[in-house]
Protein backbone atom coordinates (compact mmCIF):
# COMPACT_ATOMS: atom_id res chain seq x y z
CA UNK A 1 15.61 5.86 0.86
CA UNK A 2 17.62 2.69 0.36
CA UNK A 3 16.15 -0.38 -1.33
CA UNK A 4 16.39 -2.32 1.94
CA UNK A 5 14.39 0.31 3.83
CA UNK A 6 11.89 0.67 0.98
CA UNK A 7 11.07 -3.04 1.07
CA UNK A 8 10.08 -2.66 4.73
CA UNK A 9 7.76 0.29 4.21
CA UNK A 10 4.19 -0.36 5.29
CA UNK A 11 0.90 1.06 4.12
CA UNK A 12 0.49 4.46 5.75
CA UNK A 13 4.13 4.98 6.69
CA UNK A 14 4.80 7.24 3.71
CA UNK A 15 2.55 6.20 0.86
CA UNK A 16 -1.10 6.76 1.82
CA UNK A 17 -0.14 8.27 5.18
CA UNK A 18 -3.03 9.99 6.93
CA UNK A 19 -1.29 13.38 6.83
CA UNK A 20 -0.87 13.31 3.05
CA UNK A 21 -2.87 15.90 1.13
CA UNK A 22 -6.51 14.82 0.61
CA UNK A 23 -5.95 11.35 2.06
CA UNK A 24 -9.27 11.53 3.89
CA UNK A 25 -10.96 12.49 0.61
CA UNK A 26 -9.28 9.54 -1.15
CA UNK A 27 -10.48 7.09 1.50
CA UNK A 28 -13.93 8.67 1.54
CA UNK A 29 -14.22 7.92 -2.17
CA UNK A 30 -13.42 4.29 -1.44
CA UNK A 31 -16.01 4.17 1.33
CA UNK A 32 -18.70 5.79 -0.82
CA UNK A 33 -18.09 3.14 -3.44
CA UNK A 34 -18.04 0.03 -1.31
CA UNK A 35 -19.96 0.75 1.92
CA UNK A 36 -23.35 -0.19 0.40
CA UNK A 37 -22.03 -3.59 -0.73
CA UNK A 38 -20.39 -4.20 2.66
CA UNK A 39 -23.56 -3.29 4.54
CA UNK A 40 -25.61 -5.58 2.32
CA UNK A 41 -23.36 -8.55 3.04
CA UNK A 42 -23.36 -7.95 6.79
CA UNK A 43 -27.12 -7.66 6.92
CA UNK A 44 -27.47 -10.86 4.92
CA UNK A 45 -25.44 -12.63 7.60
CA UNK A 46 -28.00 -11.70 10.25
CA UNK A 47 -26.36 -8.63 11.80
CA UNK A 48 -28.48 -7.31 14.64
CA UNK A 49 -28.27 -4.99 17.62
CA UNK A 50 -26.90 -7.67 19.95
CA UNK A 51 -23.72 -8.38 18.02
CA UNK A 52 -20.29 -7.47 19.38
CA UNK A 53 -18.28 -6.27 16.35
CA UNK A 54 -14.61 -5.65 15.62
CA UNK A 55 -13.80 -3.51 12.58
CA UNK A 56 -10.12 -4.03 11.72
CA UNK A 57 -8.32 -1.32 9.76
CA UNK A 58 -11.31 0.96 10.19
CA UNK A 59 -9.86 3.87 8.17
CA UNK A 60 -12.27 6.80 8.15
CA UNK A 61 -14.73 4.80 10.22
CA UNK A 62 -17.79 5.00 7.98
CA UNK A 63 -18.56 1.30 8.40
CA UNK A 64 -17.70 1.34 12.11
CA UNK A 65 -20.15 4.21 12.62
CA UNK A 66 -22.84 2.34 10.75
CA UNK A 67 -22.23 -0.77 12.85
CA UNK A 68 -22.41 1.31 16.03
CA UNK A 69 -25.70 2.74 14.84
CA UNK A 70 -27.02 -0.78 14.40
CA UNK A 71 -25.96 -1.73 17.93
CA UNK A 72 -28.95 -0.17 19.69
CA UNK A 73 -29.17 -3.11 22.11
CA UNK A 74 -26.35 -4.68 24.12
CA UNK A 75 -24.07 -4.92 21.09
CA UNK A 76 -20.94 -2.77 20.92
CA UNK A 77 -18.42 -1.94 18.19
CA UNK A 78 -14.63 -1.68 18.37
CA UNK A 79 -12.81 0.14 15.57
CA UNK A 80 -9.09 -0.68 15.33
CA UNK A 81 -6.42 1.03 13.25
CA UNK A 82 -2.72 1.84 13.44
CA UNK A 83 -3.59 5.49 12.84
CA UNK A 84 -6.85 6.74 14.35
CA UNK A 85 -6.62 10.33 13.11
CA UNK A 86 -9.84 10.02 11.13
CA UNK A 87 -11.59 7.82 13.67
CA UNK A 88 -11.29 10.46 16.40
CA UNK A 89 -13.84 12.58 14.55
CA UNK A 90 -16.56 9.93 14.98
CA UNK A 91 -19.32 10.10 17.61
CA UNK A 92 -18.28 8.14 20.69
CA UNK A 93 -21.66 6.57 21.44
CA UNK A 94 -21.45 2.79 21.19
CA UNK A 95 -18.02 2.93 19.58
CA UNK A 96 -14.65 1.96 21.07
CA UNK A 97 -11.67 3.36 19.15
CA UNK A 98 -8.45 1.40 19.57
CA UNK A 99 -5.10 2.54 18.18
CA UNK A 100 -3.13 -0.66 17.73
CA UNK A 101 -1.05 -2.69 15.32
CA UNK A 102 -2.82 -5.98 14.58
CA UNK A 103 0.52 -7.53 13.61
CA UNK A 104 1.71 -7.12 17.21
CA UNK A 105 1.56 -10.62 18.78
CA UNK A 106 0.59 -9.06 22.13
CA UNK A 107 -2.56 -7.49 20.72
CA UNK A 108 -5.62 -9.51 21.76
CA UNK A 109 -8.85 -7.52 21.51
CA UNK A 110 -11.15 -10.25 22.83
CA UNK A 111 -13.87 -12.27 21.11
CA UNK A 112 -16.61 -10.98 18.85
CA UNK A 113 -19.70 -12.08 16.96
CA UNK A 114 -18.29 -10.31 13.90
CA UNK A 115 -14.72 -9.62 12.88
CA UNK A 116 -14.57 -7.50 9.74
CA UNK A 117 -11.56 -6.30 7.72
CA UNK A 118 -11.78 -4.47 4.40
CA UNK A 119 -8.76 -3.67 2.20
CA UNK A 120 -6.43 -4.66 5.04
CA UNK A 121 -4.83 -8.07 4.47
CA UNK A 122 -3.99 -7.37 0.82
CA UNK A 123 -1.60 -4.64 2.00
CA UNK A 124 0.14 -6.65 4.77
CA UNK A 125 3.15 -8.83 4.04
CA UNK A 126 2.33 -11.20 6.92
CA UNK A 127 -1.24 -11.70 5.70
CA UNK A 128 -1.08 -15.50 5.80
CA UNK A 129 -0.10 -15.41 9.49
CA UNK A 130 -2.76 -12.87 10.33
CA UNK A 131 -5.69 -14.70 8.80
CA UNK A 132 -5.89 -17.37 11.55
CA UNK A 133 -5.36 -14.68 14.19
CA UNK A 134 -8.38 -12.80 12.90
CA UNK A 135 -10.38 -16.01 13.05
CA UNK A 136 -9.26 -16.57 16.64
CA UNK A 137 -11.03 -13.34 17.61
CA UNK A 138 -14.38 -14.70 16.42
CA UNK A 139 -16.72 -16.28 18.96
CA UNK A 140 -18.04 -19.78 18.23
CA UNK A 141 -21.02 -19.23 15.96
CA UNK A 142 -19.69 -15.81 14.88
CA UNK A 143 -18.52 -14.67 11.46
CA UNK A 144 -15.26 -13.52 9.91
CA UNK A 145 -15.87 -11.20 6.94
CA UNK A 146 -12.97 -10.13 4.71
CA UNK A 147 -12.97 -7.84 1.69
CA UNK A 148 -10.06 -7.12 -0.63
CA UNK A 149 -9.44 -6.17 -4.22
CA UNK A 150 -9.31 -8.43 -7.23
CA UNK A 151 -7.57 -6.56 -10.06
CA UNK A 152 -9.91 -6.55 -13.06
CA UNK A 153 -9.69 -4.78 -16.39
CA UNK A 154 -7.14 -2.05 -15.82
CA UNK A 155 -4.15 -4.11 -16.87
CA UNK A 156 -5.91 -5.14 -20.09
CA UNK A 157 -7.52 -1.80 -20.96
CA UNK A 158 -7.47 -0.87 -24.67
CA UNK A 159 -6.24 2.60 -23.64
CA UNK A 160 -2.47 2.12 -23.64
CA UNK A 161 -1.41 4.90 -21.22
CA UNK A 162 -4.06 3.85 -18.67
CA UNK A 163 -3.10 0.20 -19.09
CA UNK A 164 0.59 0.95 -18.56
CA UNK A 165 -0.11 3.20 -15.58
CA UNK A 166 -2.26 0.60 -13.82
CA UNK A 167 0.33 -2.11 -14.41
CA UNK A 168 3.01 0.18 -12.99
CA UNK A 169 0.81 1.05 -10.00
CA UNK A 170 0.18 -2.54 -8.97
CA UNK A 171 3.87 -3.38 -9.43
CA UNK A 172 4.93 -0.37 -7.37
CA UNK A 173 2.49 -1.20 -4.55
CA UNK A 174 3.76 -4.77 -4.42
CA UNK A 175 7.38 -3.65 -4.27
CA UNK A 176 6.86 -0.75 -1.88
CA UNK A 177 4.31 -1.92 0.70
CA UNK A 178 3.78 -5.60 -0.18
CA UNK A 179 0.33 -5.34 -1.77
CA UNK A 180 -1.17 -8.49 -3.33
CA UNK A 181 -3.80 -7.37 -5.84
CA UNK A 182 -5.25 -10.88 -6.20
CA UNK A 183 -5.22 -12.01 -2.57
CA UNK A 184 -9.02 -12.05 -2.32
CA UNK A 185 -9.13 -14.93 -4.81
CA UNK A 186 -7.62 -17.16 -2.12
CA UNK A 187 -10.26 -16.49 0.52
CA UNK A 188 -12.73 -19.34 -0.13
CA UNK A 189 -10.00 -21.96 0.28
CA UNK A 190 -8.14 -20.09 3.01
CA UNK A 191 -11.26 -19.69 5.17
CA UNK A 192 -12.04 -23.38 4.70
CA UNK A 193 -8.49 -24.35 5.65
CA UNK A 194 -8.69 -22.52 9.00
CA UNK A 195 -11.85 -24.42 9.93
CA UNK A 196 -14.64 -21.99 9.09
CA UNK A 197 -17.90 -23.24 7.64
CA UNK A 198 -20.78 -21.83 5.56
CA UNK A 199 -18.29 -20.07 3.30
CA UNK A 200 -19.76 -17.46 0.98
CA UNK A 201 -18.56 -14.77 -1.42
CA UNK A 202 -19.82 -11.59 -3.03
CA UNK A 203 -18.24 -9.28 -5.62
CA UNK A 204 -18.83 -5.63 -6.45
CA UNK A 205 -17.27 -4.19 -9.64
CA UNK A 206 -17.49 -0.38 -9.91
CA UNK A 207 -16.73 1.47 -13.15
CA UNK A 208 -14.42 4.47 -13.24
CA UNK A 209 -16.34 7.26 -14.91
CA UNK A 210 -19.71 6.01 -13.73
CA UNK A 211 -19.04 5.81 -9.99
CA UNK A 212 -18.01 9.27 -8.74
CA UNK A 213 -16.48 8.03 -5.49
CA UNK A 214 -14.42 5.37 -7.22
CA UNK A 215 -13.27 7.84 -9.89
CA UNK A 216 -12.11 10.24 -7.17
CA UNK A 217 -10.36 7.45 -5.28
CA UNK A 218 -8.42 6.36 -8.37
CA UNK A 219 -7.50 9.91 -9.37
CA UNK A 220 -6.15 10.74 -5.90
CA UNK A 221 -4.38 7.37 -5.64
CA UNK A 222 -2.55 7.98 -8.90
CA UNK A 223 -1.64 11.57 -8.05
CA UNK A 224 -0.27 10.55 -4.65
CA UNK A 225 1.70 7.71 -6.27
CA UNK A 226 3.15 9.80 -9.11
CA UNK A 227 6.70 10.15 -7.76
CA UNK A 228 6.90 6.44 -6.96
CA UNK A 229 5.59 5.51 -10.40
CA UNK A 230 8.04 7.74 -12.25
CA UNK A 231 10.89 6.46 -10.08
CA UNK A 232 9.86 2.96 -11.12
CA UNK A 233 10.22 3.77 -14.80
CA UNK A 234 6.80 5.01 -15.93
CA UNK A 235 7.26 7.87 -18.37
CA UNK A 236 5.74 11.22 -17.31
CA UNK A 237 3.91 11.63 -20.61
CA UNK A 238 2.27 8.21 -20.16
CA UNK A 239 1.15 9.10 -16.64
CA UNK A 240 -0.23 12.46 -17.78
CA UNK A 241 -2.07 10.84 -20.70
CA UNK A 242 -3.68 8.34 -18.34
CA UNK A 243 -4.94 11.12 -16.04
CA UNK A 244 -6.19 13.12 -19.00
CA UNK A 245 -8.06 10.06 -20.27
CA UNK A 246 -9.68 9.43 -16.88
CA UNK A 247 -10.77 13.06 -16.73
CA UNK A 248 -12.81 12.81 -19.89
CA UNK A 249 -16.57 12.76 -19.25
CA UNK A 250 -17.15 9.64 -21.37
CA UNK A 251 -14.15 7.61 -20.18
CA UNK A 252 -15.19 4.23 -18.75
CA UNK A 253 -12.54 2.00 -17.18
CA UNK A 254 -12.21 -0.85 -14.71
CA UNK A 255 -9.63 -0.94 -11.94
CA UNK A 256 -10.54 -3.60 -9.40
CA UNK A 257 -13.49 -5.44 -7.95
CA UNK A 258 -14.08 -5.81 -4.23
CA UNK A 259 -14.41 -9.47 -3.34
CA UNK A 260 -15.98 -10.18 0.05
CA UNK A 261 -15.68 -13.62 1.59
CA UNK A 262 -17.03 -14.89 4.87
CA UNK A 263 -17.19 -17.95 7.04
CA UNK A 264 -18.73 -18.93 10.35
CA UNK A 265 -16.79 -20.41 13.26
CA UNK A 266 -18.43 -23.70 14.25
CA UNK A 267 -20.02 -23.91 17.67
CA UNK A 268 -18.09 -26.45 19.72
CA UNK A 269 -18.63 -27.86 23.22
CA UNK A 270 -15.37 -26.29 24.39
CA UNK A 271 -16.05 -22.89 25.93
CA UNK A 272 -13.91 -19.94 24.94
CA UNK A 273 -13.38 -18.07 28.22
CA UNK A 274 -12.07 -14.97 26.49
CA UNK A 275 -15.20 -12.88 26.26
CA UNK A 276 -15.78 -9.99 23.92
CA UNK A 277 -13.30 -7.14 24.20
CA UNK A 278 -16.25 -4.77 23.97
CA UNK A 279 -17.64 -5.98 27.28
CA UNK A 280 -16.89 -3.49 30.07
CA UNK A 281 -16.03 -6.36 32.41
CA UNK A 282 -13.71 -8.24 30.09
CA UNK A 283 -9.94 -8.37 30.35
CA UNK A 284 -7.90 -9.79 27.45
CA UNK A 285 -6.10 -12.97 28.48
CA UNK A 286 -2.96 -11.74 26.71
CA UNK A 287 -1.92 -8.23 27.78
CA UNK A 288 -2.29 -5.69 25.01
CA UNK A 289 0.80 -3.93 23.76
CA UNK A 290 1.57 -0.60 25.46
CA UNK A 291 1.39 0.82 21.93
CA UNK A 292 -2.33 0.06 21.78
CA UNK A 293 -4.17 3.17 22.92
CA UNK A 294 -7.87 3.36 23.60
CA UNK A 295 -10.49 6.09 23.44
CA UNK A 296 -14.25 6.22 23.81
CA UNK A 297 -16.22 4.02 26.22
CA UNK A 298 -13.61 1.72 27.72
CA UNK A 299 -14.06 -1.81 26.50
CA UNK A 300 -10.49 -2.70 27.42
CA UNK A 301 -10.04 -1.86 31.11
CA UNK A 302 -6.51 -1.35 32.34
CA UNK A 303 -5.22 -4.10 34.62
């Protein structure tokens, strides 16, 4: 692959593609680690059964399923991803699965009480353009909740092979798919700048070696990234020593914290006529891209 093509690669095209070996297991480890913290934040914001929710970059759908389970009243949940392979396995009740690219300007899912995205913007090169678009999908009075990584500890670990491997990993991800490992640090100011109020943050810092899901996620991430890391100059013996270290029962390392930030869209006198995309009677005001495919209870009726 040429350098020009490599720079345009996106998350899931090759690296972390859904058909890679044990990719669902890797993502499940991430969900096991961070779902409890995400659920706690959403409940603290007043989540109830009436909310219309949009889960962006839903992945394996563990949080989307939980949200759908909470929506026992009129609330509905839409789970959106570019690749819905893992989402198709979820129960359909109360859940709309949408296969779409959120970077497509034609994609307009409607308006929601909650728009949630976890580990999404940090991997998108056009993240600064997408942030106000995500906010535009929030109803007045609704909340935008974003979670991304904040690299902590790995790049300063006293264990030299692990330290070098983590540094190489973050550098490779930035060069290959455009990852920004510190993007979450910008959220408080960024959410303020786009007009949201009642800004809040939360941070969860798991420990590799103590959190089984996080340990599995890191191990599978490194193994899947091995060829890229070696091509970028990491020596094989350093990589192997890092994996051996992480496999020791008493190894304790940091990798990243999940920072969650949220803000509420002010209620204004001006009425937003674009109702929730999860309403059976709603039609997006901007036609959705033909690439966006739907399954489950139709919340996006065809014109």
